[in-house]
N, C-alpha and C. Protein backbone atom coordinates (compact mmCIF):
# COMPACT_ATOMS: atom_id res chain seq x y z
N MET A 1 -18.97 -17.32 5.89
CA MET A 1 -19.02 -15.99 4.23
C MET A 1 -18.89 -16.27 2.93
N ARG A 2 -19.40 -16.34 1.69
CA ARG A 2 -19.47 -16.80 0.99
C ARG A 2 -19.12 -15.16 -0.08
N ILE A 3 -18.67 -15.64 -1.10
CA ILE A 3 -18.16 -14.90 -2.87
C ILE A 3 -19.19 -15.53 -3.48
N VAL A 4 -19.58 -14.12 -4.35
CA VAL A 4 -20.64 -14.59 -5.24
C VAL A 4 -20.96 -14.11 -6.10
N LYS A 5 -20.67 -14.18 -7.17
CA LYS A 5 -20.88 -13.83 -8.97
C LYS A 5 -22.35 -13.59 -9.22
N SER A 6 -22.08 -11.70 -9.37
CA SER A 6 -23.75 -11.07 -10.26
C SER A 6 -23.54 -10.91 -11.31
N LYS A 7 -24.50 -11.59 -12.78
CA LYS A 7 -23.92 -11.69 -14.22
C LYS A 7 -24.02 -9.97 -14.27
N SER A 8 -25.36 -9.16 -13.38
CA SER A 8 -24.70 -7.38 -14.02
C SER A 8 -25.75 -7.05 -12.89
N TRP A 9 -26.04 -5.84 -12.53
CA TRP A 9 -26.66 -4.82 -12.27
C TRP A 9 -28.21 -5.21 -11.83
N GLU A 10 -28.91 -5.56 -13.16
CA GLU A 10 -30.59 -5.88 -13.34
C GLU A 10 -30.62 -7.44 -12.49
N ALA A 11 -29.48 -7.76 -12.56
CA ALA A 11 -29.84 -9.00 -11.39
C ALA A 11 -29.52 -9.73 -10.41
N LEU A 12 -28.80 -7.71 -9.53
CA LEU A 12 -29.04 -8.17 -8.13
C LEU A 12 -29.93 -7.09 -8.43
N GLU A 13 -30.39 -6.29 -8.86
CA GLU A 13 -31.33 -5.21 -8.76
C GLU A 13 -32.67 -6.08 -8.52
N ILE A 14 -32.56 -6.95 -9.10
CA ILE A 14 -34.03 -8.19 -9.07
C ILE A 14 -34.45 -8.97 -7.91
N ALA A 15 -32.41 -9.35 -7.00
CA ALA A 15 -32.50 -9.68 -6.06
C ALA A 15 -32.82 -9.02 -4.88
N LYS A 16 -32.30 -7.71 -4.58
CA LYS A 16 -32.00 -7.55 -3.62
C LYS A 16 -34.24 -6.80 -3.30
N VAL A 17 -34.68 -6.17 -5.30
CA VAL A 17 -36.26 -5.97 -4.58
C VAL A 17 -36.99 -7.06 -4.09
N ASN A 18 -36.06 -8.78 -4.06
CA ASN A 18 -37.37 -9.57 -3.58
C ASN A 18 -36.49 -10.63 -2.05
N SER A 19 -36.37 -9.70 -2.08
CA SER A 19 -34.98 -10.31 -1.30
C SER A 19 -34.48 -12.04 -1.13
N VAL A 20 -33.87 -11.69 -2.23
CA VAL A 20 -33.42 -13.70 -2.85
C VAL A 20 -32.59 -14.04 -3.34
N TRP A 21 -31.65 -14.83 -3.57
CA TRP A 21 -30.63 -14.80 -4.28
C TRP A 21 -30.92 -16.13 -4.43
N GLY A 22 -30.98 -16.85 -6.48
CA GLY A 22 -31.71 -17.44 -7.26
C GLY A 22 -30.43 -18.71 -7.40
N SER A 23 -30.52 -19.42 -7.86
CA SER A 23 -29.26 -21.05 -8.98
C SER A 23 -30.52 -21.29 -8.99
N LYS A 24 -29.43 -22.27 -10.62
CA LYS A 24 -30.06 -23.36 -11.15
C LYS A 24 -29.35 -24.76 -10.55
N MET A 25 -28.18 -24.43 -9.43
CA MET A 25 -27.82 -25.56 -8.89
C MET A 25 -28.43 -25.56 -6.69
N LYS A 26 -28.79 -26.57 -6.58
CA LYS A 26 -28.58 -26.18 -5.10
C LYS A 26 -27.18 -25.45 -3.89
N LEU A 27 -27.92 -25.03 -3.33
CA LEU A 27 -26.94 -24.00 -3.01
C LEU A 27 -26.88 -24.38 -1.10
N SER A 28 -25.39 -25.93 -1.43
CA SER A 28 -25.66 -26.32 -0.76
C SER A 28 -25.09 -26.04 0.89
N ASN A 29 -25.51 -26.54 1.90
CA ASN A 29 -24.81 -25.56 2.84
C ASN A 29 -24.55 -24.16 3.05
N TRP A 30 -25.72 -23.52 2.89
CA TRP A 30 -25.96 -22.31 2.84
C TRP A 30 -26.36 -22.11 4.64
N LEU A 31 -26.31 -20.91 5.26
CA LEU A 31 -27.24 -20.94 6.93
C LEU A 31 -27.14 -20.06 6.75
N VAL A 32 -28.40 -20.01 7.95
CA VAL A 32 -28.97 -18.73 7.78
C VAL A 32 -28.06 -17.43 9.04
N GLY A 33 -27.25 -16.71 8.54
CA GLY A 33 -26.63 -15.52 9.63
C GLY A 33 -25.37 -15.08 8.88
N GLU A 34 -24.95 -16.68 7.98
CA GLU A 34 -24.08 -15.81 6.64
C GLU A 34 -23.70 -15.30 6.36
N LYS A 35 -22.73 -14.34 6.18
CA LYS A 35 -22.30 -13.35 5.45
C LYS A 35 -22.37 -14.11 3.67
N ILE A 36 -22.72 -13.04 2.94
CA ILE A 36 -22.80 -12.91 1.37
C ILE A 36 -22.29 -12.47 0.43
N LEU A 37 -20.34 -11.70 0.39
CA LEU A 37 -20.24 -10.78 -1.01
C LEU A 37 -20.84 -11.19 -2.30
N PHE A 38 -21.15 -10.41 -2.33
CA PHE A 38 -21.57 -10.52 -4.15
C PHE A 38 -20.99 -9.65 -4.87
N LEU A 39 -20.18 -9.81 -5.73
CA LEU A 39 -19.29 -9.08 -6.78
C LEU A 39 -20.15 -8.66 -8.25
N VAL A 40 -20.16 -7.34 -8.30
CA VAL A 40 -21.88 -7.45 -10.01
C VAL A 40 -20.83 -6.68 -10.09
N GLU A 41 -20.73 -7.31 -12.28
CA GLU A 41 -19.83 -6.90 -13.43
C GLU A 41 -18.55 -7.48 -12.80
N ASP A 42 -17.70 -5.28 -13.00
CA ASP A 42 -16.73 -5.80 -12.37
C ASP A 42 -16.00 -4.27 -11.44
N ASP A 43 -17.36 -4.44 -11.32
CA ASP A 43 -17.06 -1.97 -10.70
C ASP A 43 -18.37 -2.53 -9.65
N GLY A 44 -19.09 -3.81 -8.55
CA GLY A 44 -19.56 -3.49 -8.09
C GLY A 44 -19.00 -4.31 -6.57
N VAL A 45 -19.69 -3.97 -5.88
CA VAL A 45 -19.50 -5.01 -4.30
C VAL A 45 -21.35 -4.51 -3.86
N SER A 46 -21.91 -6.33 -3.45
CA SER A 46 -22.77 -5.66 -2.64
C SER A 46 -22.58 -6.80 -0.94
N LEU A 47 -23.07 -6.59 -0.14
CA LEU A 47 -22.74 -7.33 1.00
C LEU A 47 -24.28 -7.51 1.66
N GLY A 48 -24.83 -8.85 1.53
CA GLY A 48 -25.77 -9.35 2.62
C GLY A 48 -25.95 -10.21 3.05
N GLU A 49 -26.95 -10.71 3.72
CA GLU A 49 -26.82 -11.88 5.17
C GLU A 49 -28.15 -12.81 4.80
N VAL A 50 -27.37 -14.29 4.65
CA VAL A 50 -28.63 -15.62 4.24
C VAL A 50 -29.79 -14.86 5.63
N SER A 51 -31.02 -14.35 5.34
CA SER A 51 -32.16 -14.91 6.43
C SER A 51 -33.30 -15.99 6.78
N GLY A 52 -32.50 -16.41 5.54
CA GLY A 52 -33.89 -17.65 5.57
C GLY A 52 -33.19 -18.70 5.17
N GLU A 53 -34.25 -20.33 4.75
CA GLU A 53 -33.91 -21.87 4.75
C GLU A 53 -34.68 -21.16 3.28
N GLN A 54 -33.14 -22.26 2.52
CA GLN A 54 -33.00 -22.61 1.29
C GLN A 54 -34.20 -22.80 0.68
N TYR A 55 -35.13 -22.48 -0.27
CA TYR A 55 -36.18 -23.35 -1.49
C TYR A 55 -36.83 -24.00 -3.34
N TYR A 56 -37.21 -23.77 -3.24
CA TYR A 56 -37.47 -24.46 -4.55
C TYR A 56 -38.49 -24.19 -4.86
N THR A 57 -38.37 -22.49 -6.50
CA THR A 57 -39.47 -22.66 -6.56
C THR A 57 -39.42 -22.48 -8.55
N GLU A 58 -40.37 -22.66 -9.19
CA GLU A 58 -40.39 -22.04 -10.23
C GLU A 58 -41.10 -21.31 -10.94
N GLU A 59 -40.97 -20.37 -9.63
CA GLU A 59 -41.60 -18.71 -9.39
C GLU A 59 -40.30 -17.62 -10.57
N VAL A 60 -40.78 -17.05 -11.86
CA VAL A 60 -39.82 -16.48 -12.76
C VAL A 60 -39.83 -15.46 -12.21
N LEU A 61 -38.60 -14.88 -11.49
CA LEU A 61 -37.96 -13.62 -11.31
C LEU A 61 -36.68 -12.42 -12.38
N TRP A 62 -35.57 -13.27 -12.60
CA TRP A 62 -34.96 -13.14 -14.48
C TRP A 62 -35.48 -13.06 -15.69
N LEU A 63 -35.62 -12.38 -16.22
CA LEU A 63 -36.14 -12.60 -17.02
C LEU A 63 -34.72 -13.10 -18.48
N ASN A 64 -33.94 -13.88 -17.93
CA ASN A 64 -33.48 -14.75 -19.20
C ASN A 64 -33.43 -16.38 -19.01
N ASP A 65 -33.50 -16.36 -17.24
CA ASP A 65 -33.61 -17.56 -16.97
C ASP A 65 -34.29 -17.88 -15.98
N LEU A 66 -34.37 -19.25 -15.42
CA LEU A 66 -34.98 -19.87 -14.56
C LEU A 66 -34.43 -19.99 -13.63
N TYR A 67 -34.19 -19.31 -12.74
CA TYR A 67 -33.76 -19.98 -11.43
C TYR A 67 -33.78 -20.80 -10.04
N PRO A 68 -34.03 -21.45 -10.04
CA PRO A 68 -35.72 -22.56 -8.92
C PRO A 68 -34.87 -22.61 -7.95
N TRP A 69 -33.68 -22.52 -6.91
CA TRP A 69 -32.60 -22.71 -5.90
C TRP A 69 -33.12 -21.25 -5.86
N ARG A 70 -33.95 -20.59 -4.34
CA ARG A 70 -33.95 -19.47 -3.93
C ARG A 70 -33.15 -19.93 -2.18
N ILE A 71 -32.98 -18.44 -2.21
CA ILE A 71 -32.33 -18.79 -0.71
C ILE A 71 -32.48 -17.60 0.50
N PRO A 72 -33.69 -16.68 1.27
CA PRO A 72 -33.94 -15.67 1.35
C PRO A 72 -32.43 -14.55 2.25
N ILE A 73 -32.09 -13.53 0.82
CA ILE A 73 -30.96 -12.39 1.70
C ILE A 73 -31.46 -10.93 2.25
N THR A 74 -30.79 -10.65 3.37
CA THR A 74 -31.09 -9.07 3.24
C THR A 74 -29.50 -8.97 2.93
N PHE A 75 -30.26 -7.90 2.16
CA PHE A 75 -28.59 -6.90 1.17
C PHE A 75 -28.55 -6.02 2.60
N LYS A 76 -27.53 -5.32 2.69
CA LYS A 76 -27.10 -4.44 3.98
C LYS A 76 -26.64 -3.02 2.63
N SER A 77 -25.09 -3.12 2.33
CA SER A 77 -24.57 -2.48 1.39
C SER A 77 -23.69 -2.87 -0.07
N GLN A 78 -23.68 -1.58 -0.22
CA GLN A 78 -23.50 -2.28 -1.43
C GLN A 78 -21.97 -0.20 -1.72
N ILE A 79 -21.39 -1.01 -3.06
CA ILE A 79 -20.65 -0.02 -3.66
C ILE A 79 -19.88 -0.19 -4.94
N SER A 80 -20.13 1.02 -5.86
CA SER A 80 -20.03 0.57 -7.34
C SER A 80 -18.86 1.71 -8.23
N GLY A 81 -18.93 2.38 -9.09
CA GLY A 81 -17.98 2.38 -9.65
C GLY A 81 -17.05 2.38 -9.90
N LYS A 82 -15.84 3.22 -9.15
CA LYS A 82 -14.38 3.05 -8.88
C LYS A 82 -14.02 2.45 -7.82
N LYS A 83 -14.61 3.25 -6.67
CA LYS A 83 -15.15 2.41 -5.50
C LYS A 83 -14.41 0.74 -5.43
N GLY A 84 -15.85 0.37 -5.83
CA GLY A 84 -16.01 -0.90 -5.90
C GLY A 84 -15.19 -1.98 -7.13
N ARG A 85 -15.15 -1.13 -7.99
CA ARG A 85 -13.24 -2.07 -8.86
C ARG A 85 -12.19 -2.20 -8.50
N ASP A 86 -11.67 -1.07 -7.33
CA ASP A 86 -10.93 -0.92 -6.57
C ASP A 86 -11.31 -2.18 -5.58
N PHE A 87 -12.40 -1.68 -4.79
CA PHE A 87 -12.22 -2.95 -3.73
C PHE A 87 -12.61 -4.19 -4.83
N GLN A 88 -12.57 -4.35 -5.27
CA GLN A 88 -12.89 -6.30 -6.28
C GLN A 88 -10.74 -6.41 -6.72
N LYS A 89 -10.40 -5.37 -6.84
CA LYS A 89 -9.19 -5.19 -7.02
C LYS A 89 -8.48 -5.91 -5.87
N LYS A 90 -8.17 -5.47 -4.74
CA LYS A 90 -7.88 -5.31 -3.51
C LYS A 90 -8.94 -6.68 -2.72
N LEU A 91 -10.33 -7.51 -3.31
CA LEU A 91 -10.29 -8.22 -2.45
C LEU A 91 -9.15 -10.10 -3.31
N ARG A 92 -9.73 -9.82 -4.19
CA ARG A 92 -8.68 -10.37 -5.64
C ARG A 92 -7.74 -11.31 -5.32
N LEU A 93 -6.56 -9.63 -4.47
CA LEU A 93 -5.29 -10.01 -4.20
C LEU A 93 -5.40 -10.50 -2.50
N VAL A 94 -6.10 -10.02 -1.58
CA VAL A 94 -6.05 -10.49 -0.49
C VAL A 94 -6.91 -12.72 -1.23
N LEU A 95 -7.67 -12.85 -1.46
CA LEU A 95 -7.45 -13.92 -2.04
C LEU A 95 -6.57 -15.19 -2.41
N LYS A 96 -5.94 -14.36 -3.93
CA LYS A 96 -5.20 -14.69 -4.42
C LYS A 96 -3.85 -15.31 -3.27
N SER A 97 -3.31 -14.24 -2.11
CA SER A 97 -2.61 -13.96 -1.24
C SER A 97 -2.09 -15.33 -0.43
N ASN A 98 -3.78 -15.69 -0.22
CA ASN A 98 -3.45 -16.43 0.82
C ASN A 98 -3.91 -17.90 0.41
N TYR A 99 -4.99 -18.09 -1.11
CA TYR A 99 -5.71 -19.52 -1.12
C TYR A 99 -4.62 -19.54 -2.50
N GLY A 100 -3.73 -18.86 -2.93
CA GLY A 100 -2.78 -19.34 -4.11
C GLY A 100 -3.49 -18.60 -5.97
N LYS A 101 -3.24 -19.63 -6.82
CA LYS A 101 -3.47 -19.93 -7.66
C LYS A 101 -4.98 -20.38 -8.13
N THR A 102 -5.48 -20.82 -7.30
CA THR A 102 -7.10 -21.96 -7.03
C THR A 102 -7.93 -20.66 -6.69
N SER A 103 -7.31 -19.91 -6.22
CA SER A 103 -8.52 -18.95 -5.19
C SER A 103 -9.41 -18.27 -6.09
N GLY A 104 -10.22 -18.72 -7.58
CA GLY A 104 -11.28 -18.18 -8.16
C GLY A 104 -11.83 -18.97 -7.94
N SER A 105 -11.47 -20.51 -7.55
CA SER A 105 -12.47 -21.90 -7.28
C SER A 105 -13.13 -21.45 -6.10
N LEU A 106 -13.07 -20.72 -4.87
CA LEU A 106 -13.58 -19.97 -3.69
C LEU A 106 -14.92 -19.63 -4.92
N ILE A 107 -15.16 -18.29 -5.18
CA ILE A 107 -16.55 -17.86 -6.55
C ILE A 107 -16.55 -18.77 -6.33
N LEU A 108 -16.01 -19.57 -7.67
CA LEU A 108 -17.10 -19.86 -8.51
C LEU A 108 -17.50 -21.31 -8.56
N PHE A 109 -16.92 -21.91 -7.08
CA PHE A 109 -17.91 -23.20 -6.39
C PHE A 109 -18.48 -22.55 -4.96
N ARG A 110 -18.52 -21.39 -5.50
CA ARG A 110 -19.29 -20.02 -4.23
C ARG A 110 -19.26 -20.73 -2.64
N LEU A 111 -17.67 -21.60 -2.60
CA LEU A 111 -17.16 -22.26 -1.54
C LEU A 111 -17.32 -20.89 0.30
N LYS A 112 -17.78 -21.73 0.81
CA LYS A 112 -17.67 -20.92 2.15
C LYS A 112 -16.22 -20.61 2.60
N LEU A 113 -15.90 -19.81 2.75
CA LEU A 113 -14.17 -19.42 2.96
C LEU A 113 -13.35 -19.56 4.08
N PRO A 114 -12.95 -20.38 3.73
CA PRO A 114 -11.89 -20.43 5.40
C PRO A 114 -11.89 -20.06 6.35
N ASP A 115 -11.91 -19.61 7.87
CA ASP A 115 -12.01 -18.34 9.13
C ASP A 115 -10.93 -17.81 8.34
N TYR A 116 -9.52 -17.91 8.43
CA TYR A 116 -8.94 -17.08 8.45
C TYR A 116 -8.58 -15.87 7.15
N ILE A 117 -9.01 -16.80 6.13
CA ILE A 117 -9.74 -15.17 4.59
C ILE A 117 -10.50 -14.74 5.19
N GLU A 118 -11.76 -15.33 5.98
CA GLU A 118 -12.94 -14.51 5.91
C GLU A 118 -12.08 -12.80 7.25
N ARG A 119 -11.40 -13.78 8.20
CA ARG A 119 -11.58 -12.80 8.88
C ARG A 119 -10.42 -11.14 8.13
N GLU A 120 -9.88 -11.64 6.62
CA GLU A 120 -9.24 -10.49 6.45
C GLU A 120 -10.32 -9.96 5.01
N VAL A 121 -10.93 -10.72 4.76
CA VAL A 121 -11.92 -10.22 3.91
C VAL A 121 -13.10 -9.48 4.94
N GLU A 122 -12.99 -8.73 6.20
CA GLU A 122 -14.21 -8.59 6.86
C GLU A 122 -13.05 -7.26 7.42
N ASP A 123 -11.99 -7.27 7.47
CA ASP A 123 -10.84 -6.41 7.60
C ASP A 123 -11.14 -5.05 6.69
N LEU A 124 -11.61 -6.60 5.26
CA LEU A 124 -11.00 -5.17 3.71
C LEU A 124 -12.26 -4.39 3.58
N ILE A 125 -13.47 -4.56 4.43
CA ILE A 125 -15.12 -4.28 4.62
C ILE A 125 -14.96 -3.41 5.38
N ARG A 126 -14.64 -3.94 6.24
CA ARG A 126 -14.88 -2.05 7.12
C ARG A 126 -14.07 -1.08 6.66
N LYS A 127 -12.13 -1.19 6.14
CA LYS A 127 -11.98 -0.28 5.61
C LYS A 127 -12.28 0.34 4.79
N GLU A 128 -12.92 -0.34 3.67
CA GLU A 128 -13.40 0.09 2.57
C GLU A 128 -14.90 0.82 2.33
N TYR A 129 -15.82 0.13 2.81
CA TYR A 129 -17.48 0.60 3.46
C TYR A 129 -16.72 1.54 4.44
């Protein structure tokens, strides 16, 4: 599992409609079947799964910029509003308690979560979703 920050609900909606996530940098080592937890603004979370191999395209989907490295994603569910905000707070506590002060690097660099943290995040998802 990886945790990815989405700049806005609008950006996430474009990704959902097109079943793809985009990045300016190559998405190294993302594997088909891997779960992706998207943090949207400060009040939402969307769960997805990598459903295809990464590819490069200069087709513009997001109007504010070009994100040429794409990876197919199947979006499964999302929560927003107060429930989404509460989930993000609990998630950050799980990350910080397990990974310490550098836990933000897991999100910033979209790193694969260590197995022991992934299990805790999955438990949180089961409780909150």
